[in-house]
Amino acid sequence: MTVKASSVLSIISVWELTLAAREIIERTFAVFTVLGLAAAFYFVMCFGIDRLGRRLERHLALRGFAGERA
């Protein structure tokens, strides 16, 4: 499961996160700190969604919802 290439929502979230980071940078001039935190937040968000999706796929496969089709 890939979050980055899966939907328009991921593009919007990156855009909004970058815009918020730029606004904070304009106020504080802490470029590397703000962009580093934005990158870390995006990583945690994508990693969490990826793990949740894998767990859901595994759960559904055990129940027989996903698998081979005849």
C-alpha atoms as a PDB file:
ATOM      1  CA  MET A   1       0.000   0.000   0.000  1.00  0.00           C
ATOM      2  CA  THR A   2       1.445   3.317  -1.038  1.00  0.00           C
ATOM      3  CA  VAL A   3       0.070   6.487   0.506  1.00  0.00           C
ATOM      4  CA  LYS A   4       2.054   8.923  -1.626  1.00  0.00           C
ATOM      5  CA  ALA A   5       0.763   7.638  -4.972  1.00  0.00           C
ATOM      6  CA  SER A   6      -2.662   6.445  -3.935  1.00  0.00           C
ATOM      7  CA  SER A   7      -4.859   9.540  -3.930  1.00  0.00           C
ATOM      8  CA  VAL A   8      -5.315  13.231  -4.440  1.00  0.00           C
ATOM      9  CA  LEU A   9      -5.688  13.573  -0.680  1.00  0.00           C
ATOM     10  CA  SER A  10      -1.996  12.855  -0.174  1.00  0.00           C
ATOM     11  CA  ILE A  11      -1.085  15.685  -2.562  1.00  0.00           C
ATOM     12  CA  ILE A  12      -3.386  18.059  -0.710  1.00  0.00           C
ATOM     13  CA  SER A  13      -1.893  17.054   2.648  1.00  0.00           C
ATOM     14  CA  VAL A  14       1.658  17.673   1.396  1.00  0.00           C
ATOM     15  CA  TRP A  15       0.596  21.028  -0.024  1.00  0.00           C
ATOM     16  CA  GLU A  16      -1.105  22.092   3.225  1.00  0.00           C
ATOM     17  CA  LEU A  17       1.802  20.884   5.350  1.00  0.00           C
ATOM     18  CA  THR A  18       4.302  22.770   3.207  1.00  0.00           C
ATOM     19  CA  LEU A  19       2.171  25.915   3.241  1.00  0.00           C
ATOM     20  CA  ALA A  20       1.885  25.799   7.034  1.00  0.00           C
ATOM     21  CA  ALA A  21       5.644  25.258   7.312  1.00  0.00           C
ATOM     22  CA  ARG A  22       6.308  28.283   5.075  1.00  0.00           C
ATOM     23  CA  GLU A  23       4.072  30.472   7.236  1.00  0.00           C
ATOM     24  CA  ILE A  24       5.915  29.403  10.370  1.00  0.00           C
ATOM     25  CA  ILE A  25       9.274  29.978   8.664  1.00  0.00           C
ATOM     26  CA  GLU A  26       8.217  33.515   7.722  1.00  0.00           C
ATOM     27  CA  ARG A  27       7.505  34.272  11.379  1.00  0.00           C
ATOM     28  CA  THR A  28      10.429  32.495  13.054  1.00  0.00           C
ATOM     29  CA  PHE A  29      13.192  32.259  10.390  1.00  0.00           C
ATOM     30  CA  ALA A  30      13.922  28.724  11.644  1.00  0.00           C
ATOM     31  CA  VAL A  31      14.061  27.098   8.222  1.00  0.00           C
ATOM     32  CA  PHE A  32      15.767  23.784   8.944  1.00  0.00           C
ATOM     33  CA  THR A  33      13.950  23.188  12.207  1.00  0.00           C
ATOM     34  CA  VAL A  34      10.516  23.791  10.722  1.00  0.00           C
ATOM     35  CA  LEU A  35      11.128  21.806   7.535  1.00  0.00           C
ATOM     36  CA  GLY A  36      12.696  18.985   9.543  1.00  0.00           C
ATOM     37  CA  LEU A  37       9.656  18.805  11.801  1.00  0.00           C
ATOM     38  CA  ALA A  38       7.318  18.930   8.798  1.00  0.00           C
ATOM     39  CA  ALA A  39       9.233  16.071   7.157  1.00  0.00           C
ATOM     40  CA  ALA A  40       9.163  14.044  10.379  1.00  0.00           C
ATOM     41  CA  PHE A  41       5.424  14.648  10.775  1.00  0.00           C
ATOM     42  CA  TYR A  42       4.778  13.558   7.171  1.00  0.00           C
ATOM     43  CA  PHE A  43       6.892  10.431   7.648  1.00  0.00           C
ATOM     44  CA  VAL A  44       5.058   9.456  10.834  1.00  0.00           C
ATOM     45  CA  MET A  45       1.717  10.071   9.147  1.00  0.00           C
ATOM     46  CA  CYS A  46       2.570   7.968   6.061  1.00  0.00           C
ATOM     47  CA  PHE A  47       4.248   5.219   8.068  1.00  0.00           C
ATOM     48  CA  GLY A  48       1.259   4.945  10.390  1.00  0.00           C
ATOM     49  CA  ILE A  49      -1.238   4.794   7.537  1.00  0.00           C
ATOM     50  CA  ASP A  50       0.912   2.214   5.749  1.00  0.00           C
ATOM     51  CA  ARG A  51       1.125  -0.023   8.823  1.00  0.00           C
ATOM     52  CA  LEU A  52      -2.590   0.323   9.490  1.00  0.00           C
ATOM     53  CA  GLY A  53      -3.358  -0.638   5.880  1.00  0.00           C
ATOM     54  CA  ARG A  54      -1.101  -3.678   6.019  1.00  0.00           C
ATOM     55  CA  ARG A  55      -2.701  -4.808   9.258  1.00  0.00           C
ATOM     56  CA  LEU A  56      -6.173  -4.396   7.755  1.00  0.00           C
ATOM     57  CA  GLU A  57      -5.162  -6.346   4.635  1.00  0.00           C
ATOM     58  CA  ARG A  58      -3.791  -9.166   6.777  1.00  0.00           C
ATOM     59  CA  HIS A  59      -6.943  -9.196   8.908  1.00  0.00           C
ATOM     60  CA  LEU A  60      -9.208  -9.329   5.865  1.00  0.00           C
ATOM     61  CA  ALA A  61      -7.103 -12.048   4.239  1.00  0.00           C
ATOM     62  CA  LEU A  62      -7.466 -14.226   7.343  1.00  0.00           C
ATOM     63  CA  ARG A  63     -11.250 -13.851   7.181  1.00  0.00           C
ATOM     64  CA  GLY A  64     -11.315 -14.773   3.491  1.00  0.00           C
ATOM     65  CA  PHE A  65     -12.245 -11.387   2.060  1.00  0.00           C
ATOM     66  CA  ALA A  66      -9.062 -11.074   0.012  1.00  0.00           C
ATOM     67  CA  GLY A  67      -7.396 -13.786  -1.977  1.00  0.00           C
ATOM     68  CA  GLU A  68      -7.653 -15.926  -5.042  1.00  0.00           C
ATOM     69  CA  ARG A  69     -10.629 -15.680  -7.338  1.00  0.00           C
ATOM     70  CA  ALA A  70     -11.914 -18.609  -9.317  1.00  0.00           C
END
